[in-house]
PDB file of N, CA and C in Angstrom:
ATOM      1  N   MET A   1       0.856  -1.167   0.000  1.00  0.00           N
ATOM      2  CA  MET A   1       0.000   0.000   0.000  1.00  0.00           C
ATOM      3  C   MET A   1       0.903   1.230   0.000  1.00  0.00           C
ATOM      4  N   GLY A   2       0.690   2.123  -0.964  1.00  0.00           N
ATOM      5  CA  GLY A   2       1.454   3.364  -1.031  1.00  0.00           C
ATOM      6  C   GLY A   2       0.805   4.443  -0.185  1.00  0.00           C
ATOM      7  N   LYS A   3       1.636   5.285   0.383  1.00  0.00           N
ATOM      8  CA  LYS A   3       1.129   6.409   1.181  1.00  0.00           C
ATOM      9  C   LYS A   3       1.719   7.696   0.627  1.00  0.00           C
ATOM     10  N   ILE A   4       0.907   8.742   0.582  1.00  0.00           N
ATOM     11  CA  ILE A   4       1.327  10.053   0.104  1.00  0.00           C
ATOM     12  C   ILE A   4       0.953  11.079   1.164  1.00  0.00           C
ATOM     13  N   THR A   5       1.868  11.998   1.449  1.00  0.00           N
ATOM     14  CA  THR A   5       1.589  13.080   2.391  1.00  0.00           C
ATOM     15  C   THR A   5       1.489  14.377   1.604  1.00  0.00           C
ATOM     16  N   PHE A   6       0.431  15.139   1.839  1.00  0.00           N
ATOM     17  CA  PHE A   6       0.328  16.455   1.227  1.00  0.00           C
ATOM     18  C   PHE A   6      -0.330  17.413   2.192  1.00  0.00           C
ATOM     19  N   VAL A   7      -0.062  18.694   1.995  1.00  0.00           N
ATOM     20  CA  VAL A   7      -0.584  19.748   2.859  1.00  0.00           C
ATOM     21  C   VAL A   7      -1.456  20.657   2.007  1.00  0.00           C
ATOM     22  N   VAL A   8      -2.644  20.962   2.498  1.00  0.00           N
ATOM     23  CA  VAL A   8      -3.569  21.854   1.806  1.00  0.00           C
ATOM     24  C   VAL A   8      -3.826  23.049   2.712  1.00  0.00           C
ATOM     25  N   ASP A   9      -3.643  24.239   2.193  1.00  0.00           N
ATOM     26  CA  ASP A   9      -3.837  25.466   2.967  1.00  0.00           C
ATOM     27  C   ASP A   9      -5.242  26.001   2.718  1.00  0.00           C
ATOM     28  N   PHE A  10      -6.015  26.169   3.780  1.00  0.00           N
ATOM     29  CA  PHE A  10      -7.367  26.720   3.698  1.00  0.00           C
ATOM     30  C   PHE A  10      -7.398  28.053   4.430  1.00  0.00           C
ATOM     31  N   PRO A  11      -8.202  29.012   3.965  1.00  0.00           N
ATOM     32  CA  PRO A  11      -8.365  30.261   4.712  1.00  0.00           C
ATOM     33  C   PRO A  11      -8.919  29.957   6.107  1.00  0.00           C
ATOM     34  N   ASP A  12      -8.504  30.750   7.094  1.00  0.00           N
ATOM     35  CA  ASP A  12      -8.993  30.563   8.461  1.00  0.00           C
ATOM     36  C   ASP A  12     -10.515  30.519   8.486  1.00  0.00           C
ATOM     37  N   GLY A  13     -11.045  29.539   9.193  1.00  0.00           N
ATOM     38  CA  GLY A  13     -12.487  29.388   9.332  1.00  0.00           C
ATOM     39  C   GLY A  13     -13.150  28.644   8.185  1.00  0.00           C
ATOM     40  N   GLN A  14     -12.393  28.288   7.139  1.00  0.00           N
ATOM     41  CA  GLN A  14     -12.971  27.582   6.000  1.00  0.00           C
ATOM     42  C   GLN A  14     -12.426  26.158   5.860  1.00  0.00           C
ATOM     43  N   GLU A  15     -11.854  25.629   6.938  1.00  0.00           N
ATOM     44  CA  GLU A  15     -11.332  24.275   6.912  1.00  0.00           C
ATOM     45  C   GLU A  15     -12.489  23.288   6.788  1.00  0.00           C
ATOM     46  N   PRO A  16     -12.349  22.251   5.959  1.00  0.00           N
ATOM     47  CA  PRO A  16     -13.433  21.283   5.799  1.00  0.00           C
ATOM     48  C   PRO A  16     -13.504  20.322   6.986  1.00  0.00           C
ATOM     49  N   ALA A  17     -14.661  19.715   7.171  1.00  0.00           N
ATOM     50  CA  ALA A  17     -14.808  18.672   8.193  1.00  0.00           C
ATOM     51  C   ALA A  17     -14.047  17.434   7.712  1.00  0.00           C
ATOM     52  N   VAL A  18     -13.345  16.783   8.625  1.00  0.00           N
ATOM     53  CA  VAL A  18     -12.561  15.597   8.289  1.00  0.00           C
ATOM     54  C   VAL A  18     -12.882  14.513   9.301  1.00  0.00           C
ATOM     55  N   SER A  19     -13.051  13.276   8.812  1.00  0.00           N
ATOM     56  CA  SER A  19     -13.289  12.140   9.710  1.00  0.00           C
ATOM     57  C   SER A  19     -12.662  10.894   9.107  1.00  0.00           C
ATOM     58  N   GLY A  20     -12.736   9.802   9.817  1.00  0.00           N
ATOM     59  CA  GLY A  20     -12.212   8.541   9.314  1.00  0.00           C
ATOM     60  C   GLY A  20     -12.908   8.062   8.057  1.00  0.00           C
ATOM     61  N   ALA A  21     -14.091   8.580   7.785  1.00  0.00           N
ATOM     62  CA  ALA A  21     -14.838   8.182   6.588  1.00  0.00           C
ATOM     63  C   ALA A  21     -14.525   9.083   5.387  1.00  0.00           C
ATOM     64  N   THR A  22     -13.616  10.044   5.552  1.00  0.00           N
ATOM     65  CA  THR A  22     -13.296  10.971   4.473  1.00  0.00           C
ATOM     66  C   THR A  22     -12.554  10.251   3.350  1.00  0.00           C
ATOM     67  N   ASP A  23     -13.065  10.385   2.125  1.00  0.00           N
ATOM     68  CA  ASP A  23     -12.433   9.811   0.936  1.00  0.00           C
ATOM     69  C   ASP A  23     -11.535  10.879   0.321  1.00  0.00           C
ATOM     70  N   ILE A  24     -10.280  10.532   0.083  1.00  0.00           N
ATOM     71  CA  ILE A  24      -9.337  11.486  -0.498  1.00  0.00           C
ATOM     72  C   ILE A  24      -8.821  10.910  -1.812  1.00  0.00           C
ATOM     73  N   LEU A  25      -9.293  11.434  -2.916  1.00  0.00           N
ATOM     74  CA  LEU A  25      -8.848  11.009  -4.247  1.00  0.00           C
ATOM     75  C   LEU A  25      -8.893   9.493  -4.408  1.00  0.00           C
ATOM     76  N   GLY A  26      -9.915   8.866  -3.888  1.00  0.00           N
ATOM     77  CA  GLY A  26     -10.084   7.421  -4.004  1.00  0.00           C
ATOM     78  C   GLY A  26      -9.408   6.616  -2.909  1.00  0.00           C
ATOM     79  N   GLY A  27      -8.682   7.283  -2.008  1.00  0.00           N
ATOM     80  CA  GLY A  27      -8.016   6.597  -0.899  1.00  0.00           C
ATOM     81  C   GLY A  27      -8.744   6.857   0.405  1.00  0.00           C
ATOM     82  N   LYS A  28      -8.286   6.196   1.467  1.00  0.00           N
ATOM     83  CA  LYS A  28      -8.906   6.314   2.787  1.00  0.00           C
ATOM     84  C   LYS A  28      -8.008   7.154   3.691  1.00  0.00           C
ATOM     85  N   LEU A  29      -8.588   8.115   4.405  1.00  0.00           N
ATOM     86  CA  LEU A  29      -7.839   8.931   5.354  1.00  0.00           C
ATOM     87  C   LEU A  29      -7.398   8.060   6.527  1.00  0.00           C
ATOM     88  N   VAL A  30      -6.095   8.038   6.819  1.00  0.00           N
ATOM     89  CA  VAL A  30      -5.602   7.235   7.942  1.00  0.00           C
ATOM     90  C   VAL A  30      -4.923   8.082   9.015  1.00  0.00           C
ATOM     91  N   SER A  31      -4.641   9.365   8.716  1.00  0.00           N
ATOM     92  CA  SER A  31      -4.002  10.234   9.693  1.00  0.00           C
ATOM     93  C   SER A  31      -4.321  11.682   9.353  1.00  0.00           C
ATOM     94  N   ALA A  32      -4.520  12.503  10.383  1.00  0.00           N
ATOM     95  CA  ALA A  32      -4.768  13.931  10.178  1.00  0.00           C
ATOM     96  C   ALA A  32      -4.180  14.705  11.343  1.00  0.00           C
ATOM     97  N   ALA A  33      -3.654  15.888  11.068  1.00  0.00           N
ATOM     98  CA  ALA A  33      -3.146  16.788  12.102  1.00  0.00           C
ATOM     99  C   ALA A  33      -3.889  18.103  11.952  1.00  0.00           C
ATOM    100  N   PHE A  34      -4.435  18.610  13.025  1.00  0.00           N
ATOM    101  CA  PHE A  34      -5.211  19.843  12.974  1.00  0.00           C
ATOM    102  C   PHE A  34      -4.363  21.038  13.400  1.00  0.00           C
ATOM    103  N   PHE A  35      -3.142  21.073  12.877  1.00  0.00           N
ATOM    104  CA  PHE A  35      -2.206  22.174  13.067  1.00  0.00           C
ATOM    105  C   PHE A  35      -1.205  22.080  11.923  1.00  0.00           C
ATOM    106  N   ASP A  36      -0.329  23.056  11.789  1.00  0.00           N
ATOM    107  CA  ASP A  36       0.649  23.064  10.705  1.00  0.00           C
ATOM    108  C   ASP A  36       1.827  22.176  11.083  1.00  0.00           C
ATOM    109  N   LYS A  37       1.700  20.891  10.845  1.00  0.00           N
ATOM    110  CA  LYS A  37       2.733  19.927  11.215  1.00  0.00           C
ATOM    111  C   LYS A  37       4.041  20.193  10.465  1.00  0.00           C
ATOM    112  N   ALA A  38       3.958  20.580   9.200  1.00  0.00           N
ATOM    113  CA  ALA A  38       5.166  20.856   8.421  1.00  0.00           C
ATOM    114  C   ALA A  38       5.961  21.995   9.048  1.00  0.00           C
ATOM    115  N   ASP A  39       5.291  23.037   9.520  1.00  0.00           N
ATOM    116  CA  ASP A  39       5.965  24.166  10.150  1.00  0.00           C
ATOM    117  C   ASP A  39       6.696  23.718  11.408  1.00  0.00           C
ATOM    118  N   ARG A  40       6.079  22.880  12.210  1.00  0.00           N
ATOM    119  CA  ARG A  40       6.730  22.396  13.440  1.00  0.00           C
ATOM    120  C   ARG A  40       7.952  21.546  13.114  1.00  0.00           C
ATOM    121  N   ILE A  41       7.873  20.725  12.084  1.00  0.00           N
ATOM    122  CA  ILE A  41       9.014  19.885  11.692  1.00  0.00           C
ATOM    123  C   ILE A  41      10.161  20.764  11.201  1.00  0.00           C
ATOM    124  N   LEU A  42       9.848  21.760  10.364  1.00  0.00           N
ATOM    125  CA  LEU A  42      10.893  22.648   9.857  1.00  0.00           C
ATOM    126  C   LEU A  42      11.560  23.421  10.985  1.00  0.00           C
ATOM    127  N   ARG A  43      10.788  23.910  11.949  1.00  0.00           N
ATOM    128  CA  ARG A  43      11.370  24.626  13.094  1.00  0.00           C
ATOM    129  C   ARG A  43      12.298  23.709  13.882  1.00  0.00           C
ATOM    130  N   TYR A  44      11.893  22.459  14.085  1.00  0.00           N
ATOM    131  CA  TYR A  44      12.712  21.493  14.811  1.00  0.00           C
ATOM    132  C   TYR A  44      14.030  21.260  14.071  1.00  0.00           C
ATOM    133  N   LEU A  45      13.958  21.095  12.753  1.00  0.00           N
ATOM    134  CA  LEU A  45      15.167  20.846  11.972  1.00  0.00           C
ATOM    135  C   LEU A  45      16.109  22.046  12.005  1.00  0.00           C
ATOM    136  N   VAL A  46      15.573  23.254  11.926  1.00  0.00           N
ATOM    137  CA  VAL A  46      16.405  24.457  11.960  1.00  0.00           C
ATOM    138  C   VAL A  46      17.061  24.597  13.326  1.00  0.00           C
ATOM    139  N   LEU A  47      16.306  24.440  14.405  1.00  0.00           N
ATOM    140  CA  LEU A  47      16.862  24.568  15.754  1.00  0.00           C
ATOM    141  C   LEU A  47      17.893  23.489  16.030  1.00  0.00           C
ATOM    142  N   ASP A  48      17.671  22.285  15.498  1.00  0.00           N
ATOM    143  CA  ASP A  48      18.575  21.165  15.720  1.00  0.00           C
ATOM    144  C   ASP A  48      19.915  21.384  15.019  1.00  0.00           C
ATOM    145  N   ASN A  49      19.925  22.155  13.943  1.00  0.00           N
ATOM    146  CA  ASN A  49      21.151  22.371  13.169  1.00  0.00           C
ATOM    147  C   ASN A  49      21.896  23.643  13.548  1.00  0.00           C
ATOM    148  N   GLU A  50      21.417  24.387  14.526  1.00  0.00           N
ATOM    149  CA  GLU A  50      22.106  25.627  14.933  1.00  0.00           C
ATOM    150  C   GLU A  50      23.200  25.338  15.928  1.00  0.00           C
TER     151      GLU A  50
END
């Protein structure tokens, strides 16, 4: 089973409802983060390399 990670930016207050039954381009949602996970990872990597 292949997995793809992508980030979609929505205007504040216009985020769609997401649940385990959400169909994404024919696939099944298996994980969701309700914050900017990419930003936290990048901050960690930058701080770790200073």
